[in-house]
PDB file of N, CA and C in Angstrom:
ATOM      1  N   MET A   1     -11.547  -0.271   7.740  1.00  0.00           N
ATOM      2  CA  MET A   1     -10.847   0.851   7.151  1.00  0.00           C
ATOM      3  C   MET A   1     -11.724   1.474   6.071  1.00  0.00           C
ATOM      4  N   ARG A   2     -11.655   2.778   5.931  1.00  0.00           N
ATOM      5  CA  ARG A   2     -12.530   3.437   4.966  1.00  0.00           C
ATOM      6  C   ARG A   2     -11.795   4.176   3.870  1.00  0.00           C
ATOM      7  N   CYS A   3     -10.492   4.151   3.819  1.00  0.00           N
ATOM      8  CA  CYS A   3      -9.800   4.964   2.827  1.00  0.00           C
ATOM      9  C   CYS A   3      -9.246   4.109   1.690  1.00  0.00           C
ATOM     10  N   GLY A   4      -7.996   3.688   1.785  1.00  0.00           N
ATOM     11  CA  GLY A   4      -7.370   2.873   0.745  1.00  0.00           C
ATOM     12  C   GLY A   4      -6.793   3.657  -0.413  1.00  0.00           C
ATOM     13  N   ALA A   5      -6.846   4.990  -0.358  1.00  0.00           N
ATOM     14  CA  ALA A   5      -6.378   5.804  -1.483  1.00  0.00           C
ATOM     15  C   ALA A   5      -4.898   5.585  -1.777  1.00  0.00           C
ATOM     16  N   CYS A   6      -4.088   5.418  -0.745  1.00  0.00           N
ATOM     17  CA  CYS A   6      -2.650   5.215  -0.978  1.00  0.00           C
ATOM     18  C   CYS A   6      -2.396   3.918  -1.739  1.00  0.00           C
ATOM     19  N   CYS A   7      -3.239   2.926  -1.549  1.00  0.00           N
ATOM     20  CA  CYS A   7      -3.086   1.623  -2.214  1.00  0.00           C
ATOM     21  C   CYS A   7      -3.465   1.680  -3.693  1.00  0.00           C
ATOM     22  N   ALA A   8      -4.014   2.807  -4.100  1.00  0.00           N
ATOM     23  CA  ALA A   8      -4.427   2.969  -5.486  1.00  0.00           C
ATOM     24  C   ALA A   8      -3.806   4.215  -6.113  1.00  0.00           C
ATOM     25  N   LEU A   9      -2.657   4.637  -5.553  1.00  0.00           N
ATOM     26  CA  LEU A   9      -1.975   5.795  -6.109  1.00  0.00           C
ATOM     27  C   LEU A   9      -0.471   5.589  -6.240  1.00  0.00           C
ATOM     28  N   TYR A  10       0.131   4.877  -5.307  1.00  0.00           N
ATOM     29  CA  TYR A  10       1.581   4.746  -5.270  1.00  0.00           C
ATOM     30  C   TYR A  10       2.047   3.332  -5.601  1.00  0.00           C
ATOM     31  N   ARG A  11       3.201   3.244  -6.260  1.00  0.00           N
ATOM     32  CA  ARG A  11       3.809   1.930  -6.472  1.00  0.00           C
ATOM     33  C   ARG A  11       4.366   1.459  -5.137  1.00  0.00           C
ATOM     34  N   VAL A  12       4.113   0.213  -4.806  1.00  0.00           N
ATOM     35  CA  VAL A  12       4.601  -0.369  -3.560  1.00  0.00           C
ATOM     36  C   VAL A  12       5.804  -1.242  -3.893  1.00  0.00           C
ATOM     37  N   SER A  13       6.997  -0.665  -3.735  1.00  0.00           N
ATOM     38  CA  SER A  13       8.247  -1.379  -3.996  1.00  0.00           C
ATOM     39  C   SER A  13       8.886  -1.796  -2.683  1.00  0.00           C
ATOM     40  N   PHE A  14       9.553  -2.946  -2.699  1.00  0.00           N
ATOM     41  CA  PHE A  14      10.193  -3.463  -1.491  1.00  0.00           C
ATOM     42  C   PHE A  14      11.250  -4.478  -1.879  1.00  0.00           C
ATOM     43  N   ASP A  15      12.102  -4.803  -0.943  1.00  0.00           N
ATOM     44  CA  ASP A  15      13.174  -5.769  -1.154  1.00  0.00           C
ATOM     45  C   ASP A  15      12.568  -7.127  -1.529  1.00  0.00           C
ATOM     46  N   CYS A  16      13.056  -7.713  -2.608  1.00  0.00           N
ATOM     47  CA  CYS A  16      12.476  -8.978  -3.067  1.00  0.00           C
ATOM     48  C   CYS A  16      12.660 -10.115  -2.063  1.00  0.00           C
ATOM     49  N   ARG A  17      13.518  -9.938  -1.066  1.00  0.00           N
ATOM     50  CA  ARG A  17      13.677 -10.966  -0.030  1.00  0.00           C
ATOM     51  C   ARG A  17      12.507 -10.998   0.951  1.00  0.00           C
ATOM     52  N   GLU A  18      11.552 -10.080   0.786  1.00  0.00           N
ATOM     53  CA  GLU A  18      10.364 -10.087   1.639  1.00  0.00           C
ATOM     54  C   GLU A  18       9.298 -11.058   1.150  1.00  0.00           C
ATOM     55  N   THR A  19       9.462 -11.626  -0.040  1.00  0.00           N
ATOM     56  CA  THR A  19       8.452 -12.541  -0.573  1.00  0.00           C
ATOM     57  C   THR A  19       8.558 -13.912   0.085  1.00  0.00           C
ATOM     58  N   ASP A  20       7.435 -14.626   0.121  1.00  0.00           N
ATOM     59  CA  ASP A  20       7.376 -15.885   0.861  1.00  0.00           C
ATOM     60  C   ASP A  20       8.108 -17.055   0.211  1.00  0.00           C
ATOM     61  N   ASP A  21       8.733 -16.842  -0.934  1.00  0.00           N
ATOM     62  CA  ASP A  21       9.554 -17.905  -1.527  1.00  0.00           C
ATOM     63  C   ASP A  21      10.976 -17.891  -0.955  1.00  0.00           C
ATOM     64  N   ILE A  22      11.271 -16.912  -0.122  1.00  0.00           N
ATOM     65  CA  ILE A  22      12.572 -16.773   0.546  1.00  0.00           C
ATOM     66  C   ILE A  22      12.357 -17.047   2.037  1.00  0.00           C
ATOM     67  N   ALA A  23      13.268 -17.774   2.660  1.00  0.00           N
ATOM     68  CA  ALA A  23      13.155 -18.047   4.091  1.00  0.00           C
ATOM     69  C   ALA A  23      13.024 -16.735   4.868  1.00  0.00           C
ATOM     70  N   GLY A  24      11.998 -16.648   5.691  1.00  0.00           N
ATOM     71  CA  GLY A  24      11.758 -15.451   6.481  1.00  0.00           C
ATOM     72  C   GLY A  24      10.861 -14.432   5.806  1.00  0.00           C
ATOM     73  N   GLY A  25      10.624 -14.570   4.503  1.00  0.00           N
ATOM     74  CA  GLY A  25       9.747 -13.647   3.784  1.00  0.00           C
ATOM     75  C   GLY A  25       8.290 -13.983   4.028  1.00  0.00           C
ATOM     76  N   VAL A  26       7.427 -12.983   3.929  1.00  0.00           N
ATOM     77  CA  VAL A  26       6.007 -13.197   4.217  1.00  0.00           C
ATOM     78  C   VAL A  26       5.061 -12.748   3.108  1.00  0.00           C
ATOM     79  N   VAL A  27       5.493 -11.850   2.245  1.00  0.00           N
ATOM     80  CA  VAL A  27       4.601 -11.314   1.211  1.00  0.00           C
ATOM     81  C   VAL A  27       4.351 -12.405   0.167  1.00  0.00           C
ATOM     82  N   PRO A  28       3.079 -12.734  -0.121  1.00  0.00           N
ATOM     83  CA  PRO A  28       2.792 -13.788  -1.089  1.00  0.00           C
ATOM     84  C   PRO A  28       3.398 -13.482  -2.466  1.00  0.00           C
ATOM     85  N   LEU A  29       4.272 -14.359  -2.927  1.00  0.00           N
ATOM     86  CA  LEU A  29       4.974 -14.167  -4.201  1.00  0.00           C
ATOM     87  C   LEU A  29       4.007 -13.942  -5.355  1.00  0.00           C
ATOM     88  N   HIS A  30       2.889 -14.657  -5.384  1.00  0.00           N
ATOM     89  CA  HIS A  30       1.946 -14.537  -6.503  1.00  0.00           C
ATOM     90  C   HIS A  30       1.279 -13.162  -6.584  1.00  0.00           C
ATOM     91  N   MET A  31       1.425 -12.356  -5.532  1.00  0.00           N
ATOM     92  CA  MET A  31       0.842 -11.014  -5.534  1.00  0.00           C
ATOM     93  C   MET A  31       1.883  -9.946  -5.831  1.00  0.00           C
ATOM     94  N   THR A  32       3.064 -10.378  -6.307  1.00  0.00           N
ATOM     95  CA  THR A  32       4.149  -9.439  -6.574  1.00  0.00           C
ATOM     96  C   THR A  32       4.649  -9.576  -8.004  1.00  0.00           C
ATOM     97  N   VAL A  33       5.367  -8.557  -8.435  1.00  0.00           N
ATOM     98  CA  VAL A  33       6.088  -8.594  -9.713  1.00  0.00           C
ATOM     99  C   VAL A  33       7.519  -8.170  -9.430  1.00  0.00           C
ATOM    100  N   LYS A  34       8.442  -8.728 -10.185  1.00  0.00           N
ATOM    101  CA  LYS A  34       9.852  -8.390 -10.044  1.00  0.00           C
ATOM    102  C   LYS A  34      10.092  -7.059 -10.759  1.00  0.00           C
ATOM    103  N   VAL A  35      10.714  -6.108 -10.089  1.00  0.00           N
ATOM    104  CA  VAL A  35      11.050  -4.816 -10.683  1.00  0.00           C
ATOM    105  C   VAL A  35      12.462  -4.885 -11.269  1.00  0.00           C
ATOM    106  N   ASN A  36      13.382  -5.444 -10.483  1.00  0.00           N
ATOM    107  CA  ASN A  36      14.764  -5.660 -10.941  1.00  0.00           C
ATOM    108  C   ASN A  36      15.367  -6.758 -10.061  1.00  0.00           C
ATOM    109  N   GLY A  37      16.664  -6.880 -10.032  1.00  0.00           N
ATOM    110  CA  GLY A  37      17.307  -7.946  -9.272  1.00  0.00           C
ATOM    111  C   GLY A  37      17.145  -7.868  -7.770  1.00  0.00           C
ATOM    112  N   THR A  38      16.799  -6.693  -7.257  1.00  0.00           N
ATOM    113  CA  THR A  38      16.679  -6.540  -5.806  1.00  0.00           C
ATOM    114  C   THR A  38      15.312  -6.058  -5.338  1.00  0.00           C
ATOM    115  N   LEU A  39      14.509  -5.536  -6.247  1.00  0.00           N
ATOM    116  CA  LEU A  39      13.204  -4.989  -5.860  1.00  0.00           C
ATOM    117  C   LEU A  39      12.043  -5.761  -6.469  1.00  0.00           C
ATOM    118  N   SER A  40      10.998  -5.882  -5.680  1.00  0.00           N
ATOM    119  CA  SER A  40       9.709  -6.375  -6.148  1.00  0.00           C
ATOM    120  C   SER A  40       8.687  -5.276  -5.901  1.00  0.00           C
ATOM    121  N   ALA A  41       7.517  -5.421  -6.488  1.00  0.00           N
ATOM    122  CA  ALA A  41       6.417  -4.481  -6.255  1.00  0.00           C
ATOM    123  C   ALA A  41       5.134  -5.283  -6.100  1.00  0.00           C
ATOM    124  N   MET A  42       4.192  -4.715  -5.392  1.00  0.00           N
ATOM    125  CA  MET A  42       2.885  -5.366  -5.300  1.00  0.00           C
ATOM    126  C   MET A  42       2.229  -5.312  -6.675  1.00  0.00           C
ATOM    127  N   ARG A  43       1.691  -6.450  -7.097  1.00  0.00           N
ATOM    128  CA  ARG A  43       1.009  -6.543  -8.392  1.00  0.00           C
ATOM    129  C   ARG A  43      -0.136  -5.529  -8.412  1.00  0.00           C
ATOM    130  N   GLY A  44      -0.237  -4.813  -9.489  1.00  0.00           N
ATOM    131  CA  GLY A  44      -1.267  -3.789  -9.637  1.00  0.00           C
ATOM    132  C   GLY A  44      -0.742  -2.389  -9.365  1.00  0.00           C
ATOM    133  N   THR A  45       0.400  -2.288  -8.664  1.00  0.00           N
ATOM    134  CA  THR A  45       0.965  -0.972  -8.401  1.00  0.00           C
ATOM    135  C   THR A  45       2.102  -0.643  -9.349  1.00  0.00           C
ATOM    136  N   GLU A  46       2.434  -1.577 -10.225  1.00  0.00           N
ATOM    137  CA  GLU A  46       3.556  -1.375 -11.147  1.00  0.00           C
ATOM    138  C   GLU A  46       3.125  -0.758 -12.469  1.00  0.00           C
ATOM    139  N   LYS A  47       1.844  -0.567 -12.673  1.00  0.00           N
ATOM    140  CA  LYS A  47       1.332  -0.012 -13.937  1.00  0.00           C
ATOM    141  C   LYS A  47       0.114   0.857 -13.648  1.00  0.00           C
ATOM    142  N   ARG A  48      -0.273   1.630 -14.648  1.00  0.00           N
ATOM    143  CA  ARG A  48      -1.451   2.492 -14.503  1.00  0.00           C
ATOM    144  C   ARG A  48      -2.656   1.839 -15.173  1.00  0.00           C
ATOM    145  N   PRO A  49      -3.839   1.969 -14.671  1.00  0.00           N
ATOM    146  CA  PRO A  49      -4.162   2.615 -13.411  1.00  0.00           C
ATOM    147  C   PRO A  49      -3.669   1.769 -12.239  1.00  0.00           C
ATOM    148  N   ILE A  50      -3.202   2.444 -11.207  1.00  0.00           N
ATOM    149  CA  ILE A  50      -2.656   1.766 -10.035  1.00  0.00           C
ATOM    150  C   ILE A  50      -3.782   1.340  -9.102  1.00  0.00           C
ATOM    151  N   ARG A  51      -3.708   0.104  -8.698  1.00  0.00           N
ATOM    152  CA  ARG A  51      -4.560  -0.425  -7.625  1.00  0.00           C
ATOM    153  C   ARG A  51      -3.929  -1.734  -7.156  1.00  0.00           C
ATOM    154  N   CYS A  52      -3.491  -1.747  -5.926  1.00  0.00           N
ATOM    155  CA  CYS A  52      -2.837  -2.925  -5.380  1.00  0.00           C
ATOM    156  C   CYS A  52      -3.794  -4.116  -5.423  1.00  0.00           C
ATOM    157  N   GLN A  53      -3.268  -5.252  -5.855  1.00  0.00           N
ATOM    158  CA  GLN A  53      -4.070  -6.467  -5.946  1.00  0.00           C
ATOM    159  C   GLN A  53      -4.586  -6.911  -4.572  1.00  0.00           C
ATOM    160  N   ALA A  54      -3.895  -6.523  -3.516  1.00  0.00           N
ATOM    161  CA  ALA A  54      -4.304  -6.923  -2.169  1.00  0.00           C
ATOM    162  C   ALA A  54      -5.403  -6.028  -1.582  1.00  0.00           C
ATOM    163  N   LEU A  55      -5.758  -4.956  -2.273  1.00  0.00           N
ATOM    164  CA  LEU A  55      -6.794  -4.043  -1.788  1.00  0.00           C
ATOM    165  C   LEU A  55      -8.165  -4.567  -2.193  1.00  0.00           C
ATOM    166  N   SER A  56      -9.029  -4.739  -1.212  1.00  0.00           N
ATOM    167  CA  SER A  56     -10.405  -5.152  -1.512  1.00  0.00           C
ATOM    168  C   SER A  56     -11.350  -4.030  -1.114  1.00  0.00           C
ATOM    169  N   GLY A  57     -12.474  -3.951  -1.773  1.00  0.00           N
ATOM    170  CA  GLY A  57     -13.480  -2.963  -1.428  1.00  0.00           C
ATOM    171  C   GLY A  57     -13.411  -1.707  -2.267  1.00  0.00           C
ATOM    172  N   GLN A  58     -14.202  -0.718  -1.854  1.00  0.00           N
ATOM    173  CA  GLN A  58     -14.329   0.540  -2.577  1.00  0.00           C
ATOM    174  C   GLN A  58     -13.627   1.655  -1.814  1.00  0.00           C
ATOM    175  N   ILE A  59     -12.701   2.324  -2.496  1.00  0.00           N
ATOM    176  CA  ILE A  59     -11.928   3.407  -1.886  1.00  0.00           C
ATOM    177  C   ILE A  59     -12.863   4.478  -1.340  1.00  0.00           C
ATOM    178  N   GLY A  60     -12.594   4.896  -0.123  1.00  0.00           N
ATOM    179  CA  GLY A  60     -13.399   5.930   0.524  1.00  0.00           C
ATOM    180  C   GLY A  60     -14.651   5.397   1.193  1.00  0.00           C
ATOM    181  N   ARG A  61     -14.935   4.143   1.032  1.00  0.00           N
ATOM    182  CA  ARG A  61     -16.131   3.536   1.641  1.00  0.00           C
ATOM    183  C   ARG A  61     -15.715   2.492   2.665  1.00  0.00           C
ATOM    184  N   MET A  62     -15.496   1.289   2.160  1.00  0.00           N
ATOM    185  CA  MET A  62     -15.115   0.174   3.019  1.00  0.00           C
ATOM    186  C   MET A  62     -14.039  -0.610   2.286  1.00  0.00           C
ATOM    187  N   VAL A  63     -12.811  -0.594   2.795  1.00  0.00           N
ATOM    188  CA  VAL A  63     -11.701  -1.293   2.151  1.00  0.00           C
ATOM    189  C   VAL A  63     -10.922  -2.111   3.168  1.00  0.00           C
ATOM    190  N   GLY A  64     -10.100  -2.981   2.657  1.00  0.00           N
ATOM    191  CA  GLY A  64      -9.225  -3.762   3.515  1.00  0.00           C
ATOM    192  C   GLY A  64      -8.104  -4.343   2.688  1.00  0.00           C
ATOM    193  N   CYS A  65      -7.060  -4.746   3.370  1.00  0.00           N
ATOM    194  CA  CYS A  65      -5.929  -5.407   2.733  1.00  0.00           C
ATOM    195  C   CYS A  65      -6.076  -6.897   2.993  1.00  0.00           C
ATOM    196  N   VAL A  66      -6.144  -7.687   1.939  1.00  0.00           N
ATOM    197  CA  VAL A  66      -6.343  -9.123   2.106  1.00  0.00           C
ATOM    198  C   VAL A  66      -5.094  -9.829   2.636  1.00  0.00           C
ATOM    199  N   ILE A  67      -3.955  -9.135   2.659  1.00  0.00           N
ATOM    200  CA  ILE A  67      -2.728  -9.713   3.220  1.00  0.00           C
ATOM    201  C   ILE A  67      -2.169  -8.815   4.325  1.00  0.00           C
ATOM    202  N   TYR A  68      -3.020  -8.132   5.053  1.00  0.00           N
ATOM    203  CA  TYR A  68      -2.585  -7.132   6.022  1.00  0.00           C
ATOM    204  C   TYR A  68      -1.461  -7.637   6.930  1.00  0.00           C
ATOM    205  N   ASP A  69      -1.587  -8.811   7.479  1.00  0.00           N
ATOM    206  CA  ASP A  69      -0.557  -9.348   8.365  1.00  0.00           C
ATOM    207  C   ASP A  69       0.704  -9.779   7.623  1.00  0.00           C
ATOM    208  N   ARG A  70       0.622  -9.833   6.287  1.00  0.00           N
ATOM    209  CA  ARG A  70       1.758 -10.256   5.459  1.00  0.00           C
ATOM    210  C   ARG A  70       2.187  -9.157   4.485  1.00  0.00           C
ATOM    211  N   ARG A  71       1.752  -7.929   4.723  1.00  0.00           N
ATOM    212  CA  ARG A  71       2.050  -6.824   3.809  1.00  0.00           C
ATOM    213  C   ARG A  71       3.542  -6.482   3.865  1.00  0.00           C
ATOM    214  N   PRO A  72       4.060  -5.891   2.784  1.00  0.00           N
ATOM    215  CA  PRO A  72       5.487  -5.557   2.736  1.00  0.00           C
ATOM    216  C   PRO A  72       5.849  -4.372   3.626  1.00  0.00           C
ATOM    217  N   SER A  73       7.145  -4.203   3.822  1.00  0.00           N
ATOM    218  CA  SER A  73       7.658  -3.132   4.683  1.00  0.00           C
ATOM    219  C   SER A  73       7.222  -1.752   4.199  1.00  0.00           C
ATOM    220  N   ALA A  74       7.121  -1.552   2.889  1.00  0.00           N
ATOM    221  CA  ALA A  74       6.701  -0.241   2.368  1.00  0.00           C
ATOM    222  C   ALA A  74       5.300   0.117   2.858  1.00  0.00           C
ATOM    223  N   CYS A  75       4.424  -0.856   2.937  1.00  0.00           N
ATOM    224  CA  CYS A  75       3.064  -0.613   3.433  1.00  0.00           C
ATOM    225  C   CYS A  75       3.074  -0.365   4.934  1.00  0.00           C
ATOM    226  N   ARG A  76       3.890  -1.117   5.641  1.00  0.00           N
ATOM    227  CA  ARG A  76       3.996  -0.947   7.096  1.00  0.00           C
ATOM    228  C   ARG A  76       4.552   0.437   7.439  1.00  0.00           C
ATOM    229  N   ALA A  77       5.443   0.938   6.594  1.00  0.00           N
ATOM    230  CA  ALA A  77       6.087   2.227   6.850  1.00  0.00           C
ATOM    231  C   ALA A  77       5.198   3.421   6.484  1.00  0.00           C
ATOM    232  N   PHE A  78       4.229   3.213   5.588  1.00  0.00           N
ATOM    233  CA  PHE A  78       3.370   4.315   5.152  1.00  0.00           C
ATOM    234  C   PHE A  78       2.302   4.544   6.211  1.00  0.00           C
ATOM    235  N   LEU A  79       2.405   5.661   6.898  1.00  0.00           N
ATOM    236  CA  LEU A  79       1.464   5.954   7.974  1.00  0.00           C
ATOM    237  C   LEU A  79       0.368   6.905   7.516  1.00  0.00           C
ATOM    238  N   MET A  80      -0.817   6.654   7.986  1.00  0.00           N
ATOM    239  CA  MET A  80      -1.944   7.544   7.751  1.00  0.00           C
ATOM    240  C   MET A  80      -1.601   8.899   8.377  1.00  0.00           C
ATOM    241  N   ALA A  81      -2.059   9.971   7.772  1.00  0.00           N
ATOM    242  CA  ALA A  81      -1.807  11.303   8.322  1.00  0.00           C
ATOM    243  C   ALA A  81      -2.247  11.354   9.780  1.00  0.00           C
ATOM    244  N   TRP A  82      -1.393  11.877  10.594  1.00  0.00           N
ATOM    245  CA  TRP A  82      -1.565  12.088  12.030  1.00  0.00           C
ATOM    246  C   TRP A  82      -1.519  10.807  12.853  1.00  0.00           C
ATOM    247  N   GLU A  83      -1.246   9.671  12.199  1.00  0.00           N
ATOM    248  CA  GLU A  83      -0.945   8.476  12.967  1.00  0.00           C
ATOM    249  C   GLU A  83       0.408   8.748  13.625  1.00  0.00           C
ATOM    250  N   ASN A  84       0.574   8.388  14.846  1.00  0.00           N
ATOM    251  CA  ASN A  84       1.793   8.695  15.614  1.00  0.00           C
ATOM    252  C   ASN A  84       2.029  10.198  15.725  1.00  0.00           C
ATOM    253  N   ASP A  85       0.945  10.963  15.660  1.00  0.00           N
ATOM    254  CA  ASP A  85       0.989  12.414  15.864  1.00  0.00           C
ATOM    255  C   ASP A  85       1.810  13.162  14.819  1.00  0.00           C
ATOM    256  N   ARG A  86       1.850  12.644  13.580  1.00  0.00           N
ATOM    257  CA  ARG A  86       2.582  13.298  12.496  1.00  0.00           C
ATOM    258  C   ARG A  86       1.706  13.398  11.252  1.00  0.00           C
ATOM    259  N   GLY A  87       1.829  14.521  10.562  1.00  0.00           N
ATOM    260  CA  GLY A  87       1.144  14.679   9.290  1.00  0.00           C
ATOM    261  C   GLY A  87       1.806  13.826   8.222  1.00  0.00           C
ATOM    262  N   ASN A  88       1.117  13.595   7.123  1.00  0.00           N
ATOM    263  CA  ASN A  88       1.680  12.854   5.999  1.00  0.00           C
ATOM    264  C   ASN A  88       1.107  13.463   4.717  1.00  0.00           C
ATOM    265  N   ALA A  89       1.913  14.280   4.051  1.00  0.00           N
ATOM    266  CA  ALA A  89       1.465  14.954   2.828  1.00  0.00           C
ATOM    267  C   ALA A  89       1.095  13.953   1.739  1.00  0.00           C
ATOM    268  N   ASN A  90       1.766  12.797   1.693  1.00  0.00           N
ATOM    269  CA  ASN A  90       1.435  11.785   0.679  1.00  0.00           C
ATOM    270  C   ASN A  90       0.074  11.160   0.939  1.00  0.00           C
ATOM    271  N   CYS A  91      -0.278  10.991   2.191  1.00  0.00           N
ATOM    272  CA  CYS A  91      -1.615  10.509   2.550  1.00  0.00           C
ATOM    273  C   CYS A  91      -2.653  11.547   2.134  1.00  0.00           C
ATOM    274  N   ASP A  92      -2.410  12.795   2.486  1.00  0.00           N
ATOM    275  CA  ASP A  92      -3.343  13.872   2.125  1.00  0.00           C
ATOM    276  C   ASP A  92      -3.514  13.957   0.615  1.00  0.00           C
ATOM    277  N   ARG A  93      -2.411  13.822  -0.134  1.00  0.00           N
ATOM    278  CA  ARG A  93      -2.465  13.894  -1.606  1.00  0.00           C
ATOM    279  C   ARG A  93      -3.311  12.755  -2.178  1.00  0.00           C
ATOM    280  N   ALA A  94      -3.084  11.553  -1.690  1.00  0.00           N
ATOM    281  CA  ALA A  94      -3.841  10.396  -2.173  1.00  0.00           C
ATOM    282  C   ALA A  94      -5.327  10.574  -1.881  1.00  0.00           C
ATOM    283  N   ARG A  95      -5.642  10.997  -0.681  1.00  0.00           N
ATOM    284  CA  ARG A  95      -7.042  11.200  -0.315  1.00  0.00           C
ATOM    285  C   ARG A  95      -7.689  12.265  -1.201  1.00  0.00           C
ATOM    286  N   ALA A  96      -6.972  13.358  -1.450  1.00  0.00           N
ATOM    287  CA  ALA A  96      -7.511  14.445  -2.272  1.00  0.00           C
ATOM    288  C   ALA A  96      -7.816  13.960  -3.690  1.00  0.00           C
ATOM    289  N   LEU A  97      -6.943  13.143  -4.252  1.00  0.00           N
ATOM    290  CA  LEU A  97      -7.165  12.644  -5.615  1.00  0.00           C
ATOM    291  C   LEU A  97      -8.396  11.743  -5.718  1.00  0.00           C
ATOM    292  N   TYR A  98      -8.843  11.209  -4.589  1.00  0.00           N
ATOM    293  CA  TYR A  98     -10.056  10.394  -4.567  1.00  0.00           C
ATOM    294  C   TYR A  98     -11.235  11.149  -3.967  1.00  0.00           C
ATOM    295  N   GLY A  99     -11.091  12.488  -3.835  1.00  0.00           N
ATOM    296  CA  GLY A  99     -12.189  13.309  -3.354  1.00  0.00           C
ATOM    297  C   GLY A  99     -12.451  13.188  -1.860  1.00  0.00           C
ATOM    298  N   LEU A 100     -11.448  12.724  -1.118  1.00  0.00           N
ATOM    299  CA  LEU A 100     -11.603  12.579   0.328  1.00  0.00           C
ATOM    300  C   LEU A 100     -10.930  13.734   1.051  1.00  0.00           C
ATOM    301  N   MET A 101     -11.500  14.159   2.127  1.00  0.00           N
ATOM    302  CA  MET A 101     -10.936  15.243   2.923  1.00  0.00           C
ATOM    303  C   MET A 101      -9.667  14.759   3.618  1.00  0.00           C
ATOM    304  N   PRO A 102      -8.718  15.681   3.874  1.00  0.00           N
ATOM    305  CA  PRO A 102      -7.530  15.284   4.631  1.00  0.00           C
ATOM    306  C   PRO A 102      -7.937  14.871   6.049  1.00  0.00           C
ATOM    307  N   ILE A 103      -7.118  14.050   6.631  1.00  0.00           N
ATOM    308  CA  ILE A 103      -7.380  13.629   8.012  1.00  0.00           C
ATOM    309  C   ILE A 103      -6.936  14.754   8.938  1.00  0.00           C
ATOM    310  N   SER A 104      -7.790  15.130   9.858  1.00  0.00           N
ATOM    311  CA  SER A 104      -7.478  16.222  10.784  1.00  0.00           C
ATOM    312  C   SER A 104      -6.645  15.711  11.950  1.00  0.00           C
ATOM    313  N   HIS A 105      -5.811  16.609  12.462  1.00  0.00           N
ATOM    314  CA  HIS A 105      -5.054  16.295  13.665  1.00  0.00           C
ATOM    315  C   HIS A 105      -5.980  16.531  14.843  1.00  0.00           C
ATOM    316  N   PHE A 106      -6.175  15.486  15.629  1.00  0.00           N
ATOM    317  CA  PHE A 106      -7.096  15.640  16.773  1.00  0.00           C
ATOM    318  C   PHE A 106      -6.441  15.267  18.052  1.00  0.00           C
TER     319      PHE A 106
END
């Protein structure tokens, strides 16, 4: 993956039952912070400057998610622009803030 801008711009909030300390949860608890009684967030996305603790590498060059197979539902739901043939203004915004061109529909 070469982008990662969304992982360093938006807070990643999700149901706290997705953490691995709960039966059926998969997101590593040590990589999260409690937001309130029902929500958790990925560590690093709850404060500024934002950068998810699970993001490795340099944005716009070579990046990866160290917990990709265990990422929360919010990450799974966030689609890259034109993935599934749909634009994503939030993807375009994140890329622009890091000096990256929007993804073209091809």
